[in-house]
């Protein structure tokens, strides 16, 4: 049974359901030229524990791309402009740590109950509406220095966030109810 995949430099697209339900697949090494992971490419690969994609060419992670990767704990994505479609990481119930470094962070991680730590890199400019809403275990967020926009309810329901929150200096737009229901936060410092 398939345990490891190494994508050579010539591979730019991983097709629809390419490795779907490869239950023993533990490790995927992505090249730095990957452009697209298509629908359900790794759906049901329940042994994968981490995903690391560093490709300035990455354009999209499609619907259900990594859905059902129930052992997936860590995600690291570094790219220029990446679109992550809804449900790309659905049913990834072990997900605990994110490193995201691309222009706009969508709401695909909303409701992931085990995410504890999020690091946003310097390429992140926008957190979409509900980007991390209801991530009830989230207790550590490292904002990137170039964030300008935080969407509506970006952290609503993140009940493990506590203490003081310092928003980055470049923030120019703060949406509605960004910390709604985060009762353990004592102070939020806004940029001057």
Protein backbone atom coordinates (compact mmCIF):
# COMPACT_ATOMS: atom_id res chain seq x y z
CA UNK A 1 0.00 0.00 0.00
CA UNK A 2 1.12 3.53 -0.88
CA UNK A 3 2.85 5.34 2.03
CA UNK A 4 4.75 8.20 0.40
CA UNK A 5 4.44 10.46 -2.64
CA UNK A 6 7.17 12.75 -3.93
CA UNK A 7 6.02 15.16 -6.61
CA UNK A 8 8.79 15.90 -9.12
CA UNK A 9 9.41 19.39 -10.47
CA UNK A 10 7.42 18.73 -13.65
CA UNK A 11 4.16 18.10 -11.75
CA UNK A 12 2.01 21.23 -11.71
CA UNK A 13 -1.47 19.81 -11.13
CA UNK A 14 -2.72 16.98 -8.95
CA UNK A 15 -5.89 15.76 -10.60
CA UNK A 16 -9.38 15.06 -9.32
CA UNK A 17 -9.35 12.20 -6.77
CA UNK A 18 -5.73 11.37 -7.70
CA UNK A 19 -4.90 9.85 -4.30
CA UNK A 20 -8.41 9.62 -2.86
CA UNK A 21 -8.80 7.08 -0.06
CA UNK A 22 -5.14 6.07 0.00
CA UNK A 23 -5.55 5.22 3.69
CA UNK A 24 -1.89 4.30 4.27
CA UNK A 25 -0.49 7.46 2.64
CA UNK A 26 1.50 9.25 5.35
CA UNK A 27 3.74 11.69 3.52
CA UNK A 28 3.39 13.91 0.46
CA UNK A 29 6.33 16.03 -0.66
CA UNK A 30 5.14 18.92 -2.80
CA UNK A 31 7.49 20.60 -5.28
CA UNK A 32 7.83 24.39 -5.39
CA UNK A 33 6.07 24.60 -8.78
CA UNK A 34 2.72 23.05 -7.89
CA UNK A 35 -0.14 25.18 -9.24
CA UNK A 36 -3.30 23.33 -8.32
CA UNK A 37 -4.60 20.54 -6.12
CA UNK A 38 -7.90 19.54 -7.70
CA UNK A 39 -11.15 18.33 -6.17
CA UNK A 40 -10.79 15.51 -3.63
CA UNK A 41 -7.17 14.85 -4.65
CA UNK A 42 -6.28 13.63 -1.15
CA UNK A 43 -9.80 13.08 0.21
CA UNK A 44 -9.87 10.29 2.77
CA UNK A 45 -6.08 9.98 3.15
CA UNK A 46 -6.49 9.39 6.85
CA UNK A 47 -2.80 8.79 7.69
CA UNK A 48 -1.41 12.14 6.45
CA UNK A 49 -0.28 14.16 9.49
CA UNK A 50 1.07 17.32 7.86
CA UNK A 51 0.77 19.29 4.65
CA UNK A 52 3.50 21.73 3.64
CA UNK A 53 3.17 23.60 0.35
CA UNK A 54 5.64 26.35 -0.49
CA UNK A 55 5.00 27.36 -4.07
CA UNK A 56 4.65 30.87 -5.45
CA UNK A 57 2.84 29.21 -8.37
CA UNK A 58 0.05 27.73 -6.22
CA UNK A 59 -3.28 29.09 -7.50
CA UNK A 60 -5.86 26.86 -5.83
CA UNK A 61 -6.73 24.08 -3.46
CA UNK A 62 -10.09 22.88 -4.71
CA UNK A 63 -13.21 21.58 -2.99
CA UNK A 64 -12.47 18.61 -0.70
CA UNK A 65 -8.75 18.66 -1.68
CA UNK A 66 -7.71 17.30 1.74
CA UNK A 67 -11.12 16.46 3.16
CA UNK A 68 -11.24 13.50 5.51
CA UNK A 69 -7.53 13.60 6.34
CA UNK A 70 -8.43 12.75 9.92
CA UNK A 71 -4.82 12.57 11.20
CA UNK A 72 -3.83 15.92 9.69
CA UNK A 73 -2.42 18.08 12.50
CA UNK A 74 -0.28 20.73 10.81
CA UNK A 75 -0.76 22.80 7.67
CA UNK A 76 1.81 25.18 6.21
CA UNK A 77 0.95 27.06 3.01
CA UNK A 78 3.21 29.74 1.58
CA UNK A 79 2.33 31.25 -1.78
CA UNK A 80 1.59 34.54 -3.51
CA UNK A 81 -2.10 34.36 -4.47
CA UNK A 82 -3.90 31.20 -3.45
CA UNK A 83 -7.59 30.37 -3.47
CA UNK A 84 -8.70 27.71 -1.02
CA UNK A 85 -12.21 26.52 -1.80
CA UNK A 86 -14.85 25.72 0.79
CA UNK A 87 -14.51 22.32 2.41
CA UNK A 88 -10.92 21.85 1.23
CA UNK A 89 -10.05 20.72 4.77
CA UNK A 90 -13.46 19.40 5.85
CA UNK A 91 -13.41 16.53 8.39
CA UNK A 92 -9.77 17.20 9.30
CA UNK A 93 -10.65 16.83 12.96
CA UNK A 94 -7.09 16.60 14.33
CA UNK A 95 -6.01 19.92 12.82
CA UNK A 96 -4.15 21.85 15.54
CA UNK A 97 -1.62 24.21 13.95
CA UNK A 98 -1.64 26.50 10.90
CA UNK A 99 1.06 28.54 9.19
CA UNK A 100 -0.54 30.58 6.42
CA UNK A 101 1.38 32.97 4.21
CA UNK A 102 -0.67 34.09 1.22
CA UNK A 103 -2.78 37.14 0.38
CA UNK A 104 -6.31 36.35 1.61
CA UNK A 105 -7.16 33.78 4.28
CA UNK A 106 -10.65 32.38 3.55
CA UNK A 107 -13.14 30.91 6.03
CA UNK A 108 -12.28 27.26 5.30
CA UNK A 109 -10.86 26.78 8.81
CA UNK A 110 -13.96 28.13 10.55
CA UNK A 111 -15.40 25.63 13.00
CA UNK A 112 -12.31 23.43 13.28
CA UNK A 113 -12.57 22.67 16.96
CA UNK A 114 -8.96 21.55 17.62
CA UNK A 115 -6.96 24.37 16.03
CA UNK A 116 -4.85 25.86 18.82
CA UNK A 117 -2.21 27.89 17.04
CA UNK A 118 -2.29 30.12 13.95
CA UNK A 119 0.70 31.96 12.52
CA UNK A 120 0.01 34.42 9.71
CA UNK A 121 3.01 35.30 7.54
CA UNK A 122 4.00 38.62 6.04
CA UNK A 123 2.11 37.98 2.77
CA UNK A 124 -1.28 37.89 4.51
CA UNK A 125 -3.22 41.09 3.91
CA UNK A 126 -6.83 40.01 4.50
CA UNK A 127 -8.68 37.74 6.90
CA UNK A 128 -12.04 36.93 5.32
CA UNK A 129 -15.34 37.05 7.17
CA UNK A 130 -15.45 34.21 9.74
CA UNK A 131 -11.88 33.16 8.88
CA UNK A 132 -11.41 31.38 12.22
CA UNK A 133 -14.90 31.63 13.72
CA UNK A 134 -15.79 28.94 16.24
CA UNK A 135 -12.27 27.55 16.45
CA UNK A 136 -12.93 26.96 20.14
CA UNK A 137 -9.43 25.67 21.00
CA UNK A 138 -7.62 28.60 19.32
CA UNK A 139 -5.50 30.19 22.03
CA UNK A 140 -2.56 31.63 20.11
CA UNK A 141 -2.67 33.87 17.04
CA UNK A 142 0.41 35.49 15.57
CA UNK A 143 -0.74 38.24 13.22
CA UNK A 144 1.45 39.01 10.22
CA UNK A 145 2.73 42.56 10.01
CA UNK A 146 1.01 43.34 6.70
CA UNK A 147 -2.62 42.57 7.56
CA UNK A 148 -4.83 45.48 6.54
CA UNK A 149 -8.32 43.92 6.71
CA UNK A 150 -10.00 41.74 9.33
CA UNK A 151 -13.42 40.58 8.16
CA UNK A 152 -16.69 40.29 10.06
CA UNK A 153 -16.67 37.74 12.90
CA UNK A 154 -13.15 36.62 11.98
CA UNK A 155 -12.62 35.19 15.49
CA UNK A 156 -16.21 35.01 16.76
CA UNK A 157 -16.73 32.10 19.11
CA UNK A 158 -13.00 31.50 19.70
CA UNK A 159 -13.62 31.00 23.40
CA UNK A 160 -10.04 29.97 24.24
CA UNK A 161 -8.59 33.32 23.15
CA UNK A 162 -7.76 35.20 26.32
CA UNK A 163 -5.89 38.13 27.78
CA UNK A 164 -4.67 40.94 25.58
CA UNK A 165 -4.85 41.00 21.79
CA UNK A 166 -2.62 43.37 19.86
CA UNK A 167 -3.74 43.98 16.30
CA UNK A 168 -1.04 44.82 13.73
CA UNK A 169 -0.22 48.45 12.95
CA UNK A 170 -1.23 48.19 9.28
CA UNK A 171 -4.86 47.26 10.01
CA UNK A 172 -7.15 49.81 8.35
CA UNK A 173 -10.43 47.88 8.28
CA UNK A 174 -11.98 45.92 11.14
CA UNK A 175 -15.24 44.09 10.50
CA UNK A 176 -18.27 43.62 12.72
CA UNK A 177 -18.11 41.46 15.84
CA UNK A 178 -14.59 40.17 15.18
CA UNK A 179 -14.27 38.84 18.74
CA UNK A 180 -17.95 38.14 19.44
CA UNK A 181 -18.32 35.59 22.23
CA UNK A 182 -14.62 35.67 23.15
CA UNK A 183 -15.33 36.41 26.79
CA UNK A 184 -11.81 35.64 28.09
CA UNK A 185 -10.22 38.49 26.12
CA UNK A 186 -9.53 41.36 28.50
CA UNK A 187 -8.15 44.00 26.11
CA UNK A 188 -7.83 44.60 22.37
CA UNK A 189 -5.23 47.11 21.26
CA UNK A 190 -5.98 48.75 17.95
CA UNK A 191 -3.42 50.42 15.71
CA UNK A 192 -2.89 54.15 16.20
